[in-house]
PDB file of N, CA and C in Angstrom:
ATOM      1  N   UNK A   1      -6.084 -27.976   6.532  1.00  0.00           N
ATOM      2  CA  UNK A   1      -6.359 -26.700   6.180  1.00  0.00           C
ATOM      3  C   UNK A   1      -7.500 -26.347   6.948  1.00  0.00           C
ATOM      4  N   UNK A   2      -7.313 -24.997   6.693  1.00  0.00           N
ATOM      5  CA  UNK A   2      -7.413 -23.851   7.920  1.00  0.00           C
ATOM      6  C   UNK A   2      -8.949 -23.281   6.777  1.00  0.00           C
ATOM      7  N   UNK A   3      -9.887 -23.088   7.423  1.00  0.00           N
ATOM      8  CA  UNK A   3     -10.697 -22.028   6.765  1.00  0.00           C
ATOM      9  C   UNK A   3     -11.367 -21.176   7.275  1.00  0.00           C
ATOM     10  N   UNK A   4     -12.068 -20.540   6.940  1.00  0.00           N
ATOM     11  CA  UNK A   4     -12.992 -19.341   7.542  1.00  0.00           C
ATOM     12  C   UNK A   4     -13.688 -19.475   8.599  1.00  0.00           C
ATOM     13  N   UNK A   5     -14.343 -20.460   8.746  1.00  0.00           N
ATOM     14  CA  UNK A   5     -15.552 -21.302   9.270  1.00  0.00           C
ATOM     15  C   UNK A   5     -14.507 -21.457  10.738  1.00  0.00           C
ATOM     16  N   UNK A   6     -13.460 -22.235  10.112  1.00  0.00           N
ATOM     17  CA  UNK A   6     -12.809 -22.582  11.581  1.00  0.00           C
ATOM     18  C   UNK A   6     -11.858 -21.487  12.331  1.00  0.00           C
ATOM     19  N   UNK A   7     -11.678 -20.771  11.581  1.00  0.00           N
ATOM     20  CA  UNK A   7     -11.074 -19.100  12.246  1.00  0.00           C
ATOM     21  C   UNK A   7     -12.238 -18.799  13.088  1.00  0.00           C
ATOM     22  N   UNK A   8     -13.379 -18.859  12.375  1.00  0.00           N
ATOM     23  CA  UNK A   8     -14.544 -17.915  13.050  1.00  0.00           C
ATOM     24  C   UNK A   8     -14.622 -18.667  14.477  1.00  0.00           C
ATOM     25  N   UNK A   9     -14.579 -20.134  14.270  1.00  0.00           N
ATOM     26  CA  UNK A   9     -15.014 -20.719  15.492  1.00  0.00           C
ATOM     27  C   UNK A   9     -14.061 -20.326  16.930  1.00  0.00           C
ATOM     28  N   UNK A  10     -13.089 -20.737  16.426  1.00  0.00           N
ATOM     29  CA  UNK A  10     -11.876 -20.130  17.164  1.00  0.00           C
ATOM     30  C   UNK A  10     -12.630 -18.911  17.777  1.00  0.00           C
ATOM     31  N   UNK A  11     -12.614 -17.778  16.979  1.00  0.00           N
ATOM     32  CA  UNK A  11     -12.628 -16.321  17.863  1.00  0.00           C
ATOM     33  C   UNK A  11     -13.664 -15.981  18.493  1.00  0.00           C
ATOM     34  N   UNK A  12     -15.062 -16.894  18.325  1.00  0.00           N
ATOM     35  CA  UNK A  12     -16.106 -17.396  19.270  1.00  0.00           C
ATOM     36  C   UNK A  12     -15.752 -17.340  20.675  1.00  0.00           C
ATOM     37  N   UNK A  13     -15.502 -18.368  20.221  1.00  0.00           N
ATOM     38  CA  UNK A  13     -14.654 -19.215  21.938  1.00  0.00           C
ATOM     39  C   UNK A  13     -13.687 -18.437  23.037  1.00  0.00           C
ATOM     40  N   UNK A  14     -12.961 -16.964  22.416  1.00  0.00           N
ATOM     41  CA  UNK A  14     -11.630 -16.295  22.452  1.00  0.00           C
ATOM     42  C   UNK A  14     -12.869 -15.676  23.856  1.00  0.00           C
ATOM     43  N   UNK A  15     -12.188 -15.336  25.011  1.00  0.00           N
ATOM     44  CA  UNK A  15     -12.867 -13.965  25.465  1.00  0.00           C
ATOM     45  C   UNK A  15     -12.442 -13.022  25.037  1.00  0.00           C
ATOM     46  N   UNK A  16     -13.728 -12.306  26.086  1.00  0.00           N
ATOM     47  CA  UNK A  16     -13.815 -10.656  25.258  1.00  0.00           C
ATOM     48  C   UNK A  16     -12.358 -10.007  25.586  1.00  0.00           C
ATOM     49  N   UNK A  17     -11.877 -10.364  26.574  1.00  0.00           N
ATOM     50  CA  UNK A  17     -10.587  -9.615  26.651  1.00  0.00           C
ATOM     51  C   UNK A  17      -9.727  -9.993  25.580  1.00  0.00           C
ATOM     52  N   UNK A  18      -9.674 -10.677  24.608  1.00  0.00           N
ATOM     53  CA  UNK A  18      -8.512 -10.641  24.105  1.00  0.00           C
ATOM     54  C   UNK A  18      -8.654 -10.253  22.450  1.00  0.00           C
ATOM     55  N   UNK A  19     -10.532  -9.887  22.531  1.00  0.00           N
ATOM     56  CA  UNK A  19     -11.214  -9.514  21.317  1.00  0.00           C
ATOM     57  C   UNK A  19     -10.507  -8.157  20.701  1.00  0.00           C
ATOM     58  N   UNK A  20      -9.930  -7.559  21.610  1.00  0.00           N
ATOM     59  CA  UNK A  20      -9.261  -6.352  21.115  1.00  0.00           C
ATOM     60  C   UNK A  20      -7.698  -6.137  20.604  1.00  0.00           C
ATOM     61  N   UNK A  21      -7.253  -7.603  21.091  1.00  0.00           N
ATOM     62  CA  UNK A  21      -6.150  -8.074  20.377  1.00  0.00           C
ATOM     63  C   UNK A  21      -5.895  -8.200  18.865  1.00  0.00           C
ATOM     64  N   UNK A  22      -6.826  -9.609  18.966  1.00  0.00           N
ATOM     65  CA  UNK A  22      -7.308  -9.998  17.796  1.00  0.00           C
ATOM     66  C   UNK A  22      -7.283  -9.130  16.842  1.00  0.00           C
ATOM     67  N   UNK A  23      -8.382  -7.812  17.162  1.00  0.00           N
ATOM     68  CA  UNK A  23      -8.808  -6.965  16.103  1.00  0.00           C
ATOM     69  C   UNK A  23      -7.540  -6.569  15.353  1.00  0.00           C
ATOM     70  N   UNK A  24      -6.779  -5.681  16.489  1.00  0.00           N
ATOM     71  CA  UNK A  24      -5.447  -5.007  16.407  1.00  0.00           C
ATOM     72  C   UNK A  24      -4.349  -5.958  15.205  1.00  0.00           C
ATOM     73  N   UNK A  25      -4.057  -6.622  15.763  1.00  0.00           N
ATOM     74  CA  UNK A  25      -3.941  -7.997  15.039  1.00  0.00           C
ATOM     75  C   UNK A  25      -4.610  -8.361  13.112  1.00  0.00           C
ATOM     76  N   UNK A  26      -5.247  -8.387  13.547  1.00  0.00           N
ATOM     77  CA  UNK A  26      -5.859  -8.479  11.991  1.00  0.00           C
ATOM     78  C   UNK A  26      -6.104  -7.190  11.085  1.00  0.00           C
ATOM     79  N   UNK A  27      -6.006  -6.325  11.684  1.00  0.00           N
ATOM     80  CA  UNK A  27      -5.797  -4.814  10.971  1.00  0.00           C
ATOM     81  C   UNK A  27      -4.450  -4.242  10.659  1.00  0.00           C
ATOM     82  N   UNK A  28      -3.474  -5.356  11.294  1.00  0.00           N
ATOM     83  CA  UNK A  28      -2.497  -4.585  10.946  1.00  0.00           C
ATOM     84  C   UNK A  28      -1.909  -5.729   9.723  1.00  0.00           C
ATOM     85  N   UNK A  29      -2.492  -6.845   9.335  1.00  0.00           N
ATOM     86  CA  UNK A  29      -2.274  -7.232   8.333  1.00  0.00           C
ATOM     87  C   UNK A  29      -2.353  -7.113   6.786  1.00  0.00           C
ATOM     88  N   UNK A  30      -3.792  -5.780   6.808  1.00  0.00           N
ATOM     89  CA  UNK A  30      -3.393  -5.488   5.586  1.00  0.00           C
ATOM     90  C   UNK A  30      -2.551  -4.702   5.473  1.00  0.00           C
ATOM     91  N   UNK A  31      -2.548  -4.786   3.984  1.00  0.00           N
ATOM     92  CA  UNK A  31      -1.417  -4.165   3.423  1.00  0.00           C
ATOM     93  C   UNK A  31      -1.573  -2.502   2.974  1.00  0.00           C
ATOM     94  N   UNK A  32      -0.647  -1.866   3.142  1.00  0.00           N
ATOM     95  CA  UNK A  32      -1.191  -0.537   2.714  1.00  0.00           C
ATOM     96  C   UNK A  32      -0.397  -0.067   1.445  1.00  0.00           C
ATOM     97  N   UNK A  33      -0.965   0.916   1.080  1.00  0.00           N
ATOM     98  CA  UNK A  33      -0.253   1.207  -0.438  1.00  0.00           C
ATOM     99  C   UNK A  33       0.430   2.268  -0.048  1.00  0.00           C
ATOM    100  N   UNK A  34       1.307   2.074  -1.115  1.00  0.00           N
ATOM    101  CA  UNK A  34       2.734   3.017  -1.154  1.00  0.00           C
ATOM    102  C   UNK A  34       2.313   4.157  -1.871  1.00  0.00           C
ATOM    103  N   UNK A  35       2.726   5.390  -1.121  1.00  0.00           N
ATOM    104  CA  UNK A  35       2.517   6.710  -1.451  1.00  0.00           C
ATOM    105  C   UNK A  35       3.327   6.915  -3.056  1.00  0.00           C
ATOM    106  N   UNK A  36       3.398   7.221  -3.959  1.00  0.00           N
ATOM    107  CA  UNK A  36       4.311   7.647  -5.110  1.00  0.00           C
ATOM    108  C   UNK A  36       4.761   8.877  -4.830  1.00  0.00           C
ATOM    109  N   UNK A  37       5.742   9.407  -5.123  1.00  0.00           N
ATOM    110  CA  UNK A  37       6.065  10.577  -4.881  1.00  0.00           C
ATOM    111  C   UNK A  37       6.726  11.192  -6.417  1.00  0.00           C
ATOM    112  N   UNK A  38       5.762  12.290  -6.245  1.00  0.00           N
ATOM    113  CA  UNK A  38       5.683  12.978  -7.801  1.00  0.00           C
ATOM    114  C   UNK A  38       6.647  13.540  -8.061  1.00  0.00           C
ATOM    115  N   UNK A  39       7.292  13.475  -9.334  1.00  0.00           N
ATOM    116  CA  UNK A  39       8.341  13.749  -9.865  1.00  0.00           C
ATOM    117  C   UNK A  39       8.754  15.328  -9.969  1.00  0.00           C
ATOM    118  N   UNK A  40       9.515  16.386  -9.310  1.00  0.00           N
ATOM    119  CA  UNK A  40       9.894  17.427  -9.934  1.00  0.00           C
ATOM    120  C   UNK A  40       9.949  17.661 -10.735  1.00  0.00           C
ATOM    121  N   UNK A  41       9.572  19.126 -11.637  1.00  0.00           N
ATOM    122  CA  UNK A  41       9.647  19.160 -13.027  1.00  0.00           C
ATOM    123  C   UNK A  41       9.656  20.458 -12.356  1.00  0.00           C
ATOM    124  N   UNK A  42      11.112  20.796 -14.154  1.00  0.00           N
ATOM    125  CA  UNK A  42      11.411  22.418 -14.056  1.00  0.00           C
ATOM    126  C   UNK A  42      11.196  23.316 -15.185  1.00  0.00           C
ATOM    127  N   UNK A  43      10.717  24.104 -15.076  1.00  0.00           N
ATOM    128  CA  UNK A  43      10.624  25.149 -16.135  1.00  0.00           C
ATOM    129  C   UNK A  43      12.106  26.186 -16.492  1.00  0.00           C
ATOM    130  N   UNK A  44      12.381  25.473 -18.049  1.00  0.00           N
ATOM    131  CA  UNK A  44      13.951  25.787 -18.120  1.00  0.00           C
ATOM    132  C   UNK A  44      13.802  27.008 -19.073  1.00  0.00           C
ATOM    133  N   UNK A  45      12.351  27.503 -19.279  1.00  0.00           N
ATOM    134  CA  UNK A  45      12.508  28.333 -20.436  1.00  0.00           C
ATOM    135  C   UNK A  45      13.318  28.406 -21.902  1.00  0.00           C
ATOM    136  N   UNK A  46      13.422  26.829 -22.408  1.00  0.00           N
ATOM    137  CA  UNK A  46      14.456  27.393 -23.283  1.00  0.00           C
ATOM    138  C   UNK A  46      13.924  25.941 -24.528  1.00  0.00           C
ATOM    139  N   UNK A  47      15.355  25.214 -24.885  1.00  0.00           N
ATOM    140  CA  UNK A  47      15.101  24.126 -25.697  1.00  0.00           C
ATOM    141  C   UNK A  47      14.622  22.965 -25.072  1.00  0.00           C
ATOM    142  N   UNK A  48      14.414  22.857 -24.433  1.00  0.00           N
ATOM    143  CA  UNK A  48      13.811  21.272 -23.617  1.00  0.00           C
ATOM    144  C   UNK A  48      12.655  21.543 -23.028  1.00  0.00           C
ATOM    145  N   UNK A  49      11.672  22.523 -23.143  1.00  0.00           N
ATOM    146  CA  UNK A  49      10.650  23.085 -22.545  1.00  0.00           C
ATOM    147  C   UNK A  49       9.506  21.766 -23.373  1.00  0.00           C
ATOM    148  N   UNK A  50       9.384  21.611 -24.448  1.00  0.00           N
ATOM    149  CA  UNK A  50       8.138  20.977 -24.903  1.00  0.00           C
ATOM    150  C   UNK A  50       9.141  19.344 -25.720  1.00  0.00           C
ATOM    151  N   UNK A  51       9.556  18.882 -25.111  1.00  0.00           N
ATOM    152  CA  UNK A  51      11.041  17.915 -25.919  1.00  0.00           C
ATOM    153  C   UNK A  51      10.747  16.593 -24.898  1.00  0.00           C
ATOM    154  N   UNK A  52      10.674  15.793 -25.486  1.00  0.00           N
ATOM    155  CA  UNK A  52      10.173  14.229 -24.608  1.00  0.00           C
ATOM    156  C   UNK A  52      11.607  14.222 -24.289  1.00  0.00           C
ATOM    157  N   UNK A  53      12.058  14.052 -23.060  1.00  0.00           N
ATOM    158  CA  UNK A  53      13.422  14.102 -22.957  1.00  0.00           C
ATOM    159  C   UNK A  53      14.049  12.818 -22.504  1.00  0.00           C
ATOM    160  N   UNK A  54      13.172  11.688 -22.916  1.00  0.00           N
ATOM    161  CA  UNK A  54      13.772  10.328 -22.631  1.00  0.00           C
ATOM    162  C   UNK A  54      14.325   9.865 -24.278  1.00  0.00           C
ATOM    163  N   UNK A  55      13.067  10.562 -24.828  1.00  0.00           N
ATOM    164  CA  UNK A  55      13.494  10.236 -26.411  1.00  0.00           C
ATOM    165  C   UNK A  55      14.572  10.397 -26.866  1.00  0.00           C
ATOM    166  N   UNK A  56      14.922  11.565 -26.510  1.00  0.00           N
ATOM    167  CA  UNK A  56      15.995  12.248 -26.878  1.00  0.00           C
ATOM    168  C   UNK A  56      17.405  11.469 -26.325  1.00  0.00           C
ATOM    169  N   UNK A  57      17.553  11.409 -24.719  1.00  0.00           N
ATOM    170  CA  UNK A  57      18.697  10.449 -24.384  1.00  0.00           C
ATOM    171  C   UNK A  57      18.975   9.257 -25.000  1.00  0.00           C
ATOM    172  N   UNK A  58      18.068   8.565 -25.364  1.00  0.00           N
ATOM    173  CA  UNK A  58      18.491   7.420 -26.518  1.00  0.00           C
ATOM    174  C   UNK A  58      19.042   7.209 -27.648  1.00  0.00           C
ATOM    175  N   UNK A  59      18.982   8.813 -28.425  1.00  0.00           N
ATOM    176  CA  UNK A  59      19.014   9.039 -29.572  1.00  0.00           C
ATOM    177  C   UNK A  59      20.818   9.328 -29.557  1.00  0.00           C
TER     178      UNK A  59
END
C-alpha cells in the first residue's frame, strides 16, 4: 500500500531537474470545476411572464 510518507520519500530522492515535471503532473491531477451555463431568459410581455412554465407543461 502506498502512503503519503512513501511518496514524499520518493520525491525527496528525485534530482532537482525532475521536480518541475512532478509539480506540473500533480497540478494536472486536480479536478477542475465545470462552469455552469446561464439559462437564457425571454421577456415575453404577456401571459407567460409570471407563470411557472414547468408546472404548466406537466398539467
